[in-house]
Amino acid sequence: MRYFQIIFNPVSAAELARMPKDLQLKILGEFRGLPQEVMSTDLERFGRLKRGGKVLHRFRLGDYRIYFEKHELGVVVHRILSKNTLKDFKFRSSLPLAEDEALQDDPRFWELIESARASSKPA
């Protein structure tokens, strides 16, 4: 039996920790069926954003969008953003709403995602 891990980077872990406990449990509960889906499909039901060989998947959960990528151990969660955060980002970036393609092509979105990686590197 292969183990499956859901890895939260420091930024996504902090975003999750700031949420009310009932919402945290709801989000974590939604990951229940994810191991089988990740291991048996190419995640077609999730939004997909590609850039420079990197593929992120978007998982919608109510007013939240969870951005993650497949990893050899399972998945790495990069960001957990509220719908309002994304609307604000899209407005400031002059992007049409609800367009994964527009996010995928906007370097500022990838800077938002990559800021999590930069903040997790040891000093």
N, C-alpha and C. Protein backbone atom coordinates (compact mmCIF):
# COMPACT_ATOMS: atom_id res chain seq x y z
N MET A 1 0.84 -1.19 0.00
CA MET A 1 0.00 0.00 0.00
C MET A 1 0.88 1.25 0.00
N ARG A 2 0.61 2.14 -0.92
CA ARG A 2 1.37 3.37 -1.05
C ARG A 2 0.77 4.45 -0.15
N TYR A 3 1.60 5.17 0.57
CA TYR A 3 1.13 6.25 1.42
C TYR A 3 0.90 7.50 0.59
N PHE A 4 -0.05 8.31 1.01
CA PHE A 4 -0.41 9.54 0.32
C PHE A 4 -0.34 10.68 1.32
N GLN A 5 0.38 11.74 0.96
CA GLN A 5 0.51 12.87 1.86
C GLN A 5 -0.09 14.12 1.23
N ILE A 6 -0.74 14.91 2.05
CA ILE A 6 -1.17 16.24 1.66
C ILE A 6 -0.24 17.19 2.39
N ILE A 7 0.62 17.83 1.64
CA ILE A 7 1.66 18.68 2.21
C ILE A 7 1.24 20.14 2.06
N PHE A 8 1.15 20.84 3.16
CA PHE A 8 0.86 22.27 3.14
C PHE A 8 2.18 23.01 3.28
N ASN A 9 2.49 23.88 2.31
CA ASN A 9 3.70 24.68 2.48
C ASN A 9 3.42 25.71 3.59
N PRO A 10 4.42 26.44 4.06
CA PRO A 10 4.20 27.35 5.19
C PRO A 10 3.11 28.39 4.95
N VAL A 11 3.01 28.91 3.74
CA VAL A 11 2.01 29.93 3.46
C VAL A 11 0.60 29.33 3.49
N SER A 12 0.40 28.20 2.84
CA SER A 12 -0.94 27.59 2.84
C SER A 12 -1.31 27.09 4.24
N ALA A 13 -0.33 26.62 5.00
CA ALA A 13 -0.60 26.19 6.38
C ALA A 13 -1.04 27.39 7.23
N ALA A 14 -0.40 28.54 7.02
CA ALA A 14 -0.78 29.75 7.75
C ALA A 14 -2.17 30.22 7.33
N GLU A 15 -2.47 30.13 6.02
CA GLU A 15 -3.80 30.52 5.55
C GLU A 15 -4.87 29.63 6.17
N LEU A 16 -4.59 28.35 6.23
CA LEU A 16 -5.54 27.41 6.84
C LEU A 16 -5.69 27.69 8.34
N ALA A 17 -4.59 27.97 9.02
CA ALA A 17 -4.63 28.20 10.46
C ALA A 17 -5.42 29.45 10.83
N ARG A 18 -5.49 30.44 9.93
CA ARG A 18 -6.23 31.67 10.21
C ARG A 18 -7.74 31.50 10.07
N MET A 19 -8.17 30.38 9.52
CA MET A 19 -9.60 30.14 9.30
C MET A 19 -10.25 29.60 10.57
N PRO A 20 -11.56 29.79 10.69
CA PRO A 20 -12.26 29.19 11.83
C PRO A 20 -12.10 27.66 11.79
N LYS A 21 -12.08 27.05 12.95
CA LYS A 21 -11.84 25.60 13.06
C LYS A 21 -12.84 24.79 12.23
N ASP A 22 -14.12 25.19 12.22
CA ASP A 22 -15.09 24.42 11.45
C ASP A 22 -14.80 24.46 9.96
N LEU A 23 -14.31 25.59 9.46
CA LEU A 23 -13.93 25.70 8.06
C LEU A 23 -12.67 24.88 7.77
N GLN A 24 -11.72 24.89 8.70
CA GLN A 24 -10.51 24.06 8.54
C GLN A 24 -10.91 22.59 8.39
N LEU A 25 -11.80 22.13 9.26
CA LEU A 25 -12.22 20.73 9.21
C LEU A 25 -12.96 20.42 7.91
N LYS A 26 -13.76 21.36 7.44
CA LYS A 26 -14.48 21.17 6.18
C LYS A 26 -13.49 21.04 5.02
N ILE A 27 -12.51 21.91 4.98
CA ILE A 27 -11.51 21.87 3.90
C ILE A 27 -10.74 20.56 3.96
N LEU A 28 -10.26 20.19 5.14
CA LEU A 28 -9.51 18.94 5.27
C LEU A 28 -10.39 17.74 4.92
N GLY A 29 -11.67 17.79 5.28
CA GLY A 29 -12.59 16.71 4.97
C GLY A 29 -12.79 16.54 3.47
N GLU A 30 -12.71 17.62 2.72
CA GLU A 30 -12.87 17.55 1.27
C GLU A 30 -11.71 16.83 0.60
N PHE A 31 -10.60 16.72 1.29
CA PHE A 31 -9.44 16.02 0.74
C PHE A 31 -9.55 14.50 0.92
N ARG A 32 -10.60 14.03 1.58
CA ARG A 32 -10.75 12.59 1.85
C ARG A 32 -10.61 11.72 0.60
N GLY A 33 -11.32 12.06 -0.47
CA GLY A 33 -11.29 11.23 -1.67
C GLY A 33 -10.17 11.55 -2.62
N LEU A 34 -9.38 12.55 -2.29
CA LEU A 34 -8.32 13.00 -3.19
C LEU A 34 -7.25 11.96 -3.48
N PRO A 35 -6.80 11.17 -2.51
CA PRO A 35 -5.73 10.20 -2.82
C PRO A 35 -6.07 9.27 -3.98
N GLN A 36 -7.26 8.70 -3.97
CA GLN A 36 -7.63 7.78 -5.04
C GLN A 36 -7.70 8.52 -6.37
N GLU A 37 -8.24 9.73 -6.36
CA GLU A 37 -8.39 10.49 -7.59
C GLU A 37 -7.03 10.90 -8.16
N VAL A 38 -6.13 11.34 -7.31
CA VAL A 38 -4.80 11.76 -7.77
C VAL A 38 -4.03 10.58 -8.33
N MET A 39 -4.15 9.43 -7.68
CA MET A 39 -3.37 8.26 -8.11
C MET A 39 -3.99 7.58 -9.33
N SER A 40 -5.29 7.77 -9.59
CA SER A 40 -5.92 7.02 -10.67
C SER A 40 -6.32 7.86 -11.88
N THR A 41 -6.24 9.20 -11.81
CA THR A 41 -6.64 10.03 -12.94
C THR A 41 -5.62 11.15 -13.13
N ASP A 42 -5.89 11.96 -14.16
CA ASP A 42 -5.04 13.14 -14.33
C ASP A 42 -5.74 14.41 -13.86
N LEU A 43 -6.64 14.25 -12.90
CA LEU A 43 -7.31 15.35 -12.20
C LEU A 43 -8.13 16.24 -13.15
N GLU A 44 -8.87 15.62 -14.03
CA GLU A 44 -9.65 16.35 -15.03
C GLU A 44 -10.75 17.21 -14.43
N ARG A 45 -11.26 16.87 -13.26
CA ARG A 45 -12.36 17.65 -12.70
C ARG A 45 -11.90 18.93 -12.01
N PHE A 46 -10.61 19.10 -11.87
CA PHE A 46 -10.06 20.30 -11.24
C PHE A 46 -9.63 21.29 -12.31
N GLY A 47 -9.65 22.57 -11.95
CA GLY A 47 -9.09 23.57 -12.85
C GLY A 47 -7.60 23.30 -13.01
N ARG A 48 -7.06 23.71 -14.15
CA ARG A 48 -5.65 23.45 -14.42
C ARG A 48 -5.00 24.72 -14.94
N LEU A 49 -3.86 25.08 -14.34
CA LEU A 49 -3.09 26.23 -14.76
C LEU A 49 -1.68 25.76 -15.05
N LYS A 50 -1.15 26.12 -16.21
CA LYS A 50 0.19 25.67 -16.61
C LYS A 50 1.08 26.87 -16.91
N ARG A 51 2.35 26.71 -16.54
CA ARG A 51 3.33 27.74 -16.88
C ARG A 51 4.72 27.16 -16.70
N GLY A 52 5.53 27.27 -17.73
CA GLY A 52 6.92 26.85 -17.65
C GLY A 52 7.09 25.42 -17.18
N GLY A 53 6.25 24.51 -17.62
CA GLY A 53 6.36 23.12 -17.23
C GLY A 53 5.74 22.79 -15.88
N LYS A 54 5.28 23.79 -15.16
CA LYS A 54 4.64 23.58 -13.86
C LYS A 54 3.13 23.54 -14.05
N VAL A 55 2.46 22.60 -13.41
CA VAL A 55 1.01 22.47 -13.50
C VAL A 55 0.43 22.59 -12.10
N LEU A 56 -0.45 23.57 -11.94
CA LEU A 56 -1.20 23.71 -10.70
C LEU A 56 -2.63 23.30 -10.98
N HIS A 57 -3.26 22.75 -9.96
CA HIS A 57 -4.67 22.41 -10.05
C HIS A 57 -5.43 23.28 -9.07
N ARG A 58 -6.66 23.64 -9.46
CA ARG A 58 -7.51 24.46 -8.61
C ARG A 58 -8.70 23.63 -8.15
N PHE A 59 -8.88 23.60 -6.86
CA PHE A 59 -9.96 22.85 -6.22
C PHE A 59 -10.89 23.88 -5.60
N ARG A 60 -12.12 23.95 -6.06
CA ARG A 60 -13.09 24.90 -5.50
C ARG A 60 -13.81 24.27 -4.32
N LEU A 61 -13.90 25.04 -3.27
CA LEU A 61 -14.63 24.61 -2.08
C LEU A 61 -15.37 25.82 -1.54
N GLY A 62 -16.64 25.95 -1.93
CA GLY A 62 -17.42 27.11 -1.50
C GLY A 62 -16.78 28.40 -1.96
N ASP A 63 -16.46 29.26 -1.01
CA ASP A 63 -15.86 30.56 -1.33
C ASP A 63 -14.33 30.50 -1.38
N TYR A 64 -13.76 29.31 -1.37
CA TYR A 64 -12.30 29.18 -1.35
C TYR A 64 -11.80 28.43 -2.57
N ARG A 65 -10.58 28.78 -2.97
CA ARG A 65 -9.90 28.11 -4.07
C ARG A 65 -8.58 27.59 -3.52
N ILE A 66 -8.37 26.30 -3.69
CA ILE A 66 -7.16 25.67 -3.17
C ILE A 66 -6.28 25.32 -4.38
N TYR A 67 -5.09 25.88 -4.41
CA TYR A 67 -4.16 25.65 -5.52
C TYR A 67 -3.10 24.66 -5.07
N PHE A 68 -3.00 23.55 -5.81
CA PHE A 68 -2.07 22.49 -5.42
C PHE A 68 -1.44 21.87 -6.66
N GLU A 69 -0.37 21.12 -6.44
CA GLU A 69 0.25 20.37 -7.53
C GLU A 69 0.50 18.95 -7.08
N LYS A 70 0.53 18.06 -8.06
CA LYS A 70 0.85 16.66 -7.76
C LYS A 70 2.31 16.58 -7.33
N HIS A 71 2.58 15.64 -6.46
CA HIS A 71 3.93 15.43 -5.94
C HIS A 71 4.12 13.92 -5.84
N GLU A 72 5.34 13.45 -5.86
CA GLU A 72 5.57 12.01 -5.80
C GLU A 72 5.01 11.38 -4.53
N LEU A 73 4.84 12.17 -3.46
CA LEU A 73 4.29 11.67 -2.21
C LEU A 73 2.78 11.89 -2.09
N GLY A 74 2.21 12.71 -2.97
CA GLY A 74 0.79 13.03 -2.91
C GLY A 74 0.52 14.36 -3.59
N VAL A 75 0.18 15.38 -2.80
CA VAL A 75 -0.02 16.73 -3.33
C VAL A 75 0.62 17.76 -2.40
N VAL A 76 1.02 18.88 -3.01
CA VAL A 76 1.53 20.03 -2.25
C VAL A 76 0.53 21.16 -2.43
N VAL A 77 -0.02 21.65 -1.33
CA VAL A 77 -0.95 22.78 -1.36
C VAL A 77 -0.12 24.05 -1.28
N HIS A 78 -0.28 24.90 -2.32
CA HIS A 78 0.49 26.15 -2.38
C HIS A 78 -0.25 27.32 -1.77
N ARG A 79 -1.54 27.46 -2.05
CA ARG A 79 -2.30 28.58 -1.53
C ARG A 79 -3.74 28.16 -1.28
N ILE A 80 -4.37 28.78 -0.29
CA ILE A 80 -5.80 28.66 -0.05
C ILE A 80 -6.32 30.09 -0.05
N LEU A 81 -7.00 30.45 -1.13
CA LEU A 81 -7.43 31.84 -1.30
C LEU A 81 -8.94 31.93 -1.30
N SER A 82 -9.45 32.95 -0.64
CA SER A 82 -10.89 33.16 -0.65
C SER A 82 -11.30 33.75 -1.98
N LYS A 83 -12.56 33.56 -2.32
CA LYS A 83 -13.11 34.11 -3.56
C LYS A 83 -12.87 35.62 -3.60
N ASN A 84 -13.01 36.29 -2.45
CA ASN A 84 -12.83 37.74 -2.41
C ASN A 84 -11.38 38.14 -2.68
N THR A 85 -10.43 37.37 -2.19
CA THR A 85 -9.02 37.64 -2.47
C THR A 85 -8.76 37.54 -3.96
N LEU A 86 -9.32 36.50 -4.60
CA LEU A 86 -9.12 36.34 -6.03
C LEU A 86 -9.82 37.42 -6.83
N LYS A 87 -11.04 37.81 -6.41
CA LYS A 87 -11.73 38.89 -7.11
C LYS A 87 -10.90 40.16 -7.04
N ASP A 88 -10.36 40.45 -5.86
CA ASP A 88 -9.53 41.64 -5.69
C ASP A 88 -8.29 41.55 -6.58
N PHE A 89 -7.64 40.39 -6.58
CA PHE A 89 -6.45 40.19 -7.41
C PHE A 89 -6.80 40.39 -8.89
N LYS A 90 -7.90 39.77 -9.33
CA LYS A 90 -8.30 39.89 -10.73
C LYS A 90 -8.67 41.32 -11.09
N PHE A 91 -9.33 42.02 -10.19
CA PHE A 91 -9.69 43.41 -10.44
C PHE A 91 -8.44 44.26 -10.59
N ARG A 92 -7.50 44.10 -9.64
CA ARG A 92 -6.27 44.88 -9.70
C ARG A 92 -5.43 44.52 -10.92
N SER A 93 -5.57 43.30 -11.41
CA SER A 93 -4.81 42.85 -12.58
C SER A 93 -5.58 43.07 -13.88
N SER A 94 -6.80 43.62 -13.78
CA SER A 94 -7.67 43.84 -14.94
C SER A 94 -7.94 42.55 -15.70
N LEU A 95 -8.17 41.48 -14.98
CA LEU A 95 -8.48 40.19 -15.60
C LEU A 95 -9.98 39.96 -15.60
N PRO A 96 -10.49 39.25 -16.61
CA PRO A 96 -11.90 38.87 -16.53
C PRO A 96 -12.09 37.88 -15.39
N LEU A 97 -13.25 37.88 -14.75
CA LEU A 97 -13.49 37.00 -13.62
C LEU A 97 -13.65 35.56 -14.06
N ALA A 98 -13.30 34.62 -13.18
CA ALA A 98 -13.49 33.18 -13.36
C ALA A 98 -12.80 32.64 -14.60
N GLU A 99 -11.59 33.02 -14.84
CA GLU A 99 -10.86 32.55 -16.02
C GLU A 99 -9.52 31.97 -15.60
N ASP A 100 -9.45 30.64 -15.54
CA ASP A 100 -8.18 30.00 -15.21
C ASP A 100 -7.12 30.36 -16.24
N GLU A 101 -7.53 30.47 -17.50
CA GLU A 101 -6.57 30.79 -18.55
C GLU A 101 -5.94 32.16 -18.32
N ALA A 102 -6.74 33.12 -17.87
CA ALA A 102 -6.21 34.46 -17.62
C ALA A 102 -5.23 34.43 -16.46
N LEU A 103 -5.55 33.68 -15.41
CA LEU A 103 -4.62 33.55 -14.28
C LEU A 103 -3.34 32.87 -14.73
N GLN A 104 -3.50 31.83 -15.52
CA GLN A 104 -2.35 31.04 -15.97
C GLN A 104 -1.37 31.91 -16.76
N ASP A 105 -1.87 32.90 -17.49
CA ASP A 105 -1.01 33.73 -18.33
C ASP A 105 -0.52 34.99 -17.63
N ASP A 106 -0.95 35.22 -16.41
CA ASP A 106 -0.55 36.43 -15.70
C ASP A 106 0.63 36.13 -14.77
N PRO A 107 1.80 36.71 -15.04
CA PRO A 107 2.97 36.43 -14.20
C PRO A 107 2.77 36.83 -12.74
N ARG A 108 1.90 37.79 -12.48
CA ARG A 108 1.66 38.22 -11.09
C ARG A 108 0.98 37.14 -10.27
N PHE A 109 0.14 36.32 -10.93
CA PHE A 109 -0.48 35.20 -10.22
C PHE A 109 0.60 34.20 -9.81
N TRP A 110 1.53 33.92 -10.71
CA TRP A 110 2.60 32.95 -10.40
C TRP A 110 3.53 33.51 -9.34
N GLU A 111 3.72 34.85 -9.31
CA GLU A 111 4.50 35.45 -8.23
C GLU A 111 3.80 35.22 -6.89
N LEU A 112 2.47 35.31 -6.88
CA LEU A 112 1.69 35.06 -5.67
C LEU A 112 1.90 33.62 -5.21
N ILE A 113 1.88 32.68 -6.15
CA ILE A 113 2.09 31.28 -5.81
C ILE A 113 3.54 31.05 -5.37
N GLU A 114 4.49 31.59 -6.11
CA GLU A 114 5.91 31.38 -5.80
C GLU A 114 6.34 32.07 -4.51
N SER A 115 5.62 33.11 -4.08
CA SER A 115 6.01 33.80 -2.84
C SER A 115 5.97 32.83 -1.67
N ALA A 116 5.13 31.80 -1.76
CA ALA A 116 5.07 30.80 -0.70
C ALA A 116 6.37 29.99 -0.67
N ARG A 117 6.88 29.65 -1.83
CA ARG A 117 8.12 28.88 -1.89
C ARG A 117 9.30 29.70 -1.37
N ALA A 118 9.35 30.98 -1.75
CA ALA A 118 10.46 31.84 -1.33
C ALA A 118 10.46 32.05 0.18
N SER A 119 9.26 32.16 0.77
CA SER A 119 9.19 32.40 2.22
C SER A 119 9.49 31.15 3.03
N SER A 120 9.49 29.99 2.38
CA SER A 120 9.73 28.74 3.14
C SER A 120 11.20 28.30 3.10
N LYS A 121 12.02 29.00 2.33
CA LYS A 121 13.44 28.64 2.28
C LYS A 121 14.16 29.10 3.54
N PRO A 122 15.05 28.26 4.09
CA PRO A 122 15.78 28.65 5.30
C PRO A 122 16.71 29.83 5.03
N ALA A 123 16.86 30.67 6.03
CA ALA A 123 17.72 31.86 5.89
C ALA A 123 19.17 31.50 6.02
